[in-house]
Amino acid sequence: MLGLLINDKEIKEMEYLLKREMDEILFDLGDDRIDHIVKRAMEERYKVLFSLFRRVASPGECMRYIRKDKSNKIKGQR
């Protein structure tokens, strides 16, 4: 396990950068022209970025970026 000491300004900057990157990935995931293999890699990257984001962002901000997993759908929904 590694530790990292950062101040409030650096936390806000990290939060901003992570949000920007996650927003871009979410936008690209909606593009039908992108191959499913590439989208799978993008989803993996999103998971890593989101796990970092959870460490610096408030719970309310995290709620905005939680993605529904395909396996978590309620039976009967499509």
N, C-alpha and C. Protein backbone atom coordinates (compact mmCIF):
# COMPACT_ATOMS: atom_id res chain seq x y z
N MET A 1 0.85 -1.17 0.00
CA MET A 1 0.00 0.00 0.00
C MET A 1 0.89 1.23 0.00
N LEU A 2 0.49 2.22 -0.77
CA LEU A 2 1.23 3.47 -0.86
C LEU A 2 0.38 4.60 -0.30
N GLY A 3 1.04 5.61 0.23
CA GLY A 3 0.34 6.78 0.74
C GLY A 3 0.69 7.99 -0.12
N LEU A 4 -0.16 8.98 -0.08
CA LEU A 4 0.06 10.19 -0.87
C LEU A 4 -0.43 11.38 -0.06
N LEU A 5 0.44 12.35 0.13
CA LEU A 5 0.07 13.56 0.85
C LEU A 5 -0.17 14.67 -0.17
N ILE A 6 -1.41 15.17 -0.23
CA ILE A 6 -1.72 16.26 -1.15
C ILE A 6 -2.58 17.28 -0.41
N ASN A 7 -2.45 18.53 -0.82
CA ASN A 7 -3.24 19.58 -0.16
C ASN A 7 -4.60 19.75 -0.84
N ASP A 8 -5.42 20.65 -0.30
CA ASP A 8 -6.78 20.83 -0.81
C ASP A 8 -6.81 21.28 -2.27
N LYS A 9 -5.89 22.15 -2.64
CA LYS A 9 -5.84 22.63 -4.02
C LYS A 9 -5.52 21.48 -4.98
N GLU A 10 -4.60 20.61 -4.58
CA GLU A 10 -4.24 19.46 -5.41
C GLU A 10 -5.39 18.46 -5.50
N ILE A 11 -6.14 18.32 -4.42
CA ILE A 11 -7.32 17.44 -4.44
C ILE A 11 -8.34 17.94 -5.45
N LYS A 12 -8.61 19.24 -5.43
CA LYS A 12 -9.57 19.82 -6.38
C LYS A 12 -9.10 19.65 -7.82
N GLU A 13 -7.80 19.81 -8.04
CA GLU A 13 -7.26 19.64 -9.39
C GLU A 13 -7.39 18.19 -9.84
N MET A 14 -7.09 17.25 -8.94
CA MET A 14 -7.22 15.83 -9.28
C MET A 14 -8.68 15.48 -9.57
N GLU A 15 -9.57 16.00 -8.76
CA GLU A 15 -11.00 15.76 -8.96
C GLU A 15 -11.44 16.29 -10.32
N TYR A 16 -10.99 17.50 -10.67
CA TYR A 16 -11.34 18.10 -11.95
C TYR A 16 -10.82 17.26 -13.12
N LEU A 17 -9.57 16.84 -13.05
CA LEU A 17 -8.99 16.04 -14.13
C LEU A 17 -9.69 14.69 -14.29
N LEU A 18 -10.00 14.05 -13.17
CA LEU A 18 -10.68 12.77 -13.23
C LEU A 18 -12.08 12.91 -13.81
N LYS A 19 -12.80 13.96 -13.40
CA LYS A 19 -14.14 14.21 -13.93
C LYS A 19 -14.09 14.41 -15.45
N ARG A 20 -13.14 15.21 -15.88
CA ARG A 20 -13.02 15.48 -17.31
C ARG A 20 -12.76 14.21 -18.10
N GLU A 21 -11.87 13.38 -17.61
CA GLU A 21 -11.54 12.14 -18.30
C GLU A 21 -12.73 11.17 -18.28
N MET A 22 -13.41 11.06 -17.14
CA MET A 22 -14.56 10.16 -17.06
C MET A 22 -15.70 10.65 -17.95
N ASP A 23 -15.93 11.97 -18.01
CA ASP A 23 -16.96 12.51 -18.90
C ASP A 23 -16.66 12.19 -20.35
N GLU A 24 -15.41 12.29 -20.73
CA GLU A 24 -15.02 11.99 -22.11
C GLU A 24 -15.25 10.51 -22.42
N ILE A 25 -14.91 9.65 -21.49
CA ILE A 25 -15.13 8.21 -21.70
C ILE A 25 -16.62 7.92 -21.81
N LEU A 26 -17.42 8.50 -20.93
CA LEU A 26 -18.87 8.28 -20.98
C LEU A 26 -19.44 8.74 -22.32
N PHE A 27 -18.98 9.86 -22.81
CA PHE A 27 -19.44 10.36 -24.11
C PHE A 27 -19.06 9.38 -25.22
N ASP A 28 -17.82 8.91 -25.21
CA ASP A 28 -17.36 7.98 -26.24
C ASP A 28 -18.04 6.62 -26.16
N LEU A 29 -18.43 6.19 -24.97
CA LEU A 29 -19.12 4.91 -24.84
C LEU A 29 -20.49 4.93 -25.53
N GLY A 30 -21.06 6.10 -25.69
CA GLY A 30 -22.34 6.23 -26.37
C GLY A 30 -22.23 6.26 -27.89
N ASP A 31 -21.01 6.31 -28.41
CA ASP A 31 -20.78 6.38 -29.85
C ASP A 31 -20.84 4.98 -30.45
N ASP A 32 -21.77 4.77 -31.37
CA ASP A 32 -21.96 3.45 -31.98
C ASP A 32 -20.85 3.08 -32.96
N ARG A 33 -20.07 4.07 -33.39
CA ARG A 33 -19.01 3.80 -34.36
C ARG A 33 -17.79 3.15 -33.72
N ILE A 34 -17.70 3.19 -32.40
CA ILE A 34 -16.54 2.62 -31.71
C ILE A 34 -16.76 1.13 -31.49
N ASP A 35 -15.74 0.35 -31.82
CA ASP A 35 -15.78 -1.10 -31.71
C ASP A 35 -15.97 -1.55 -30.27
N HIS A 36 -16.66 -2.67 -30.07
CA HIS A 36 -16.95 -3.15 -28.72
C HIS A 36 -15.69 -3.53 -27.94
N ILE A 37 -14.64 -3.95 -28.63
CA ILE A 37 -13.39 -4.29 -27.95
C ILE A 37 -12.76 -3.03 -27.37
N VAL A 38 -12.82 -1.95 -28.12
CA VAL A 38 -12.29 -0.67 -27.65
C VAL A 38 -13.13 -0.17 -26.48
N LYS A 39 -14.45 -0.34 -26.59
CA LYS A 39 -15.33 0.10 -25.51
C LYS A 39 -15.07 -0.68 -24.23
N ARG A 40 -14.74 -1.96 -24.36
CA ARG A 40 -14.43 -2.76 -23.18
C ARG A 40 -13.18 -2.22 -22.48
N ALA A 41 -12.18 -1.85 -23.26
CA ALA A 41 -10.96 -1.26 -22.69
C ALA A 41 -11.29 0.09 -22.04
N MET A 42 -12.17 0.86 -22.65
CA MET A 42 -12.57 2.14 -22.09
C MET A 42 -13.31 1.94 -20.77
N GLU A 43 -14.14 0.91 -20.70
CA GLU A 43 -14.86 0.62 -19.45
C GLU A 43 -13.90 0.23 -18.33
N GLU A 44 -12.86 -0.52 -18.66
CA GLU A 44 -11.86 -0.88 -17.66
C GLU A 44 -11.12 0.37 -17.17
N ARG A 45 -10.79 1.25 -18.09
CA ARG A 45 -10.12 2.50 -17.71
C ARG A 45 -11.05 3.34 -16.83
N TYR A 46 -12.33 3.36 -17.16
CA TYR A 46 -13.31 4.11 -16.37
C TYR A 46 -13.35 3.59 -14.93
N LYS A 47 -13.31 2.29 -14.78
CA LYS A 47 -13.33 1.69 -13.44
C LYS A 47 -12.14 2.15 -12.61
N VAL A 48 -10.96 2.18 -13.23
CA VAL A 48 -9.76 2.62 -12.52
C VAL A 48 -9.87 4.10 -12.14
N LEU A 49 -10.30 4.91 -13.09
CA LEU A 49 -10.45 6.34 -12.82
C LEU A 49 -11.50 6.59 -11.73
N PHE A 50 -12.59 5.85 -11.77
CA PHE A 50 -13.64 6.04 -10.77
C PHE A 50 -13.16 5.64 -9.38
N SER A 51 -12.35 4.59 -9.31
CA SER A 51 -11.84 4.18 -7.99
C SER A 51 -10.92 5.27 -7.42
N LEU A 52 -10.16 5.94 -8.27
CA LEU A 52 -9.35 7.08 -7.82
C LEU A 52 -10.24 8.25 -7.42
N PHE A 53 -11.27 8.49 -8.21
CA PHE A 53 -12.20 9.60 -7.96
C PHE A 53 -12.90 9.44 -6.62
N ARG A 54 -13.28 8.21 -6.28
CA ARG A 54 -13.95 7.97 -5.00
C ARG A 54 -13.10 8.38 -3.81
N ARG A 55 -11.79 8.34 -3.96
CA ARG A 55 -10.88 8.69 -2.86
C ARG A 55 -10.79 10.18 -2.60
N VAL A 56 -11.12 11.00 -3.61
CA VAL A 56 -10.96 12.45 -3.44
C VAL A 56 -12.28 13.21 -3.49
N ALA A 57 -13.34 12.62 -4.02
CA ALA A 57 -14.59 13.34 -4.22
C ALA A 57 -15.58 13.05 -3.10
N SER A 58 -16.56 13.93 -2.99
CA SER A 58 -17.62 13.74 -2.01
C SER A 58 -18.56 12.63 -2.48
N PRO A 59 -19.30 12.02 -1.56
CA PRO A 59 -20.24 10.97 -1.96
C PRO A 59 -21.28 11.46 -2.99
N GLY A 60 -21.71 12.70 -2.85
CA GLY A 60 -22.68 13.24 -3.81
C GLY A 60 -22.12 13.32 -5.21
N GLU A 61 -20.85 13.72 -5.33
CA GLU A 61 -20.20 13.78 -6.64
C GLU A 61 -20.02 12.38 -7.21
N CYS A 62 -19.70 11.43 -6.34
CA CYS A 62 -19.50 10.05 -6.79
C CYS A 62 -20.78 9.46 -7.36
N MET A 63 -21.90 9.82 -6.77
CA MET A 63 -23.19 9.29 -7.24
C MET A 63 -23.45 9.65 -8.70
N ARG A 64 -22.97 10.81 -9.12
CA ARG A 64 -23.18 11.24 -10.50
C ARG A 64 -22.43 10.38 -11.50
N TYR A 65 -21.37 9.73 -11.06
CA TYR A 65 -20.51 8.98 -11.97
C TYR A 65 -20.61 7.47 -11.83
N ILE A 66 -21.51 6.99 -10.99
CA ILE A 66 -21.70 5.55 -10.85
C ILE A 66 -22.40 5.03 -12.10
N ARG A 67 -21.82 3.99 -12.69
CA ARG A 67 -22.41 3.40 -13.89
C ARG A 67 -23.17 2.14 -13.51
N LYS A 68 -24.26 1.92 -14.17
CA LYS A 68 -25.02 0.69 -13.98
C LYS A 68 -24.31 -0.43 -14.71
N ASP A 69 -24.04 -1.51 -14.00
CA ASP A 69 -23.40 -2.67 -14.61
C ASP A 69 -24.46 -3.50 -15.29
N LYS A 70 -24.12 -4.08 -16.43
CA LYS A 70 -25.08 -4.89 -17.18
C LYS A 70 -25.60 -6.06 -16.35
N SER A 71 -24.74 -6.62 -15.50
CA SER A 71 -25.14 -7.77 -14.69
C SER A 71 -26.01 -7.36 -13.51
N ASN A 72 -26.11 -6.05 -13.19
CA ASN A 72 -26.89 -5.59 -12.05
C ASN A 72 -28.32 -5.20 -12.42
N LYS A 73 -28.71 -5.42 -13.67
CA LYS A 73 -30.05 -5.04 -14.09
C LYS A 73 -31.09 -5.93 -13.41
N ILE A 74 -32.24 -5.35 -13.15
CA ILE A 74 -33.34 -6.11 -12.54
C ILE A 74 -33.91 -7.05 -13.59
N LYS A 75 -34.24 -8.26 -13.17
CA LYS A 75 -34.80 -9.24 -14.10
C LYS A 75 -36.07 -8.67 -14.72
N GLY A 76 -36.19 -8.86 -16.00
CA GLY A 76 -37.36 -8.38 -16.72
C GLY A 76 -37.12 -7.04 -17.40
N GLN A 77 -36.07 -6.31 -16.97
CA GLN A 77 -35.74 -5.05 -17.62
C GLN A 77 -34.80 -5.32 -18.78
N ARG A 78 -34.85 -4.46 -19.76
CA ARG A 78 -33.95 -4.59 -20.91
C ARG A 78 -33.08 -3.41 -21.02
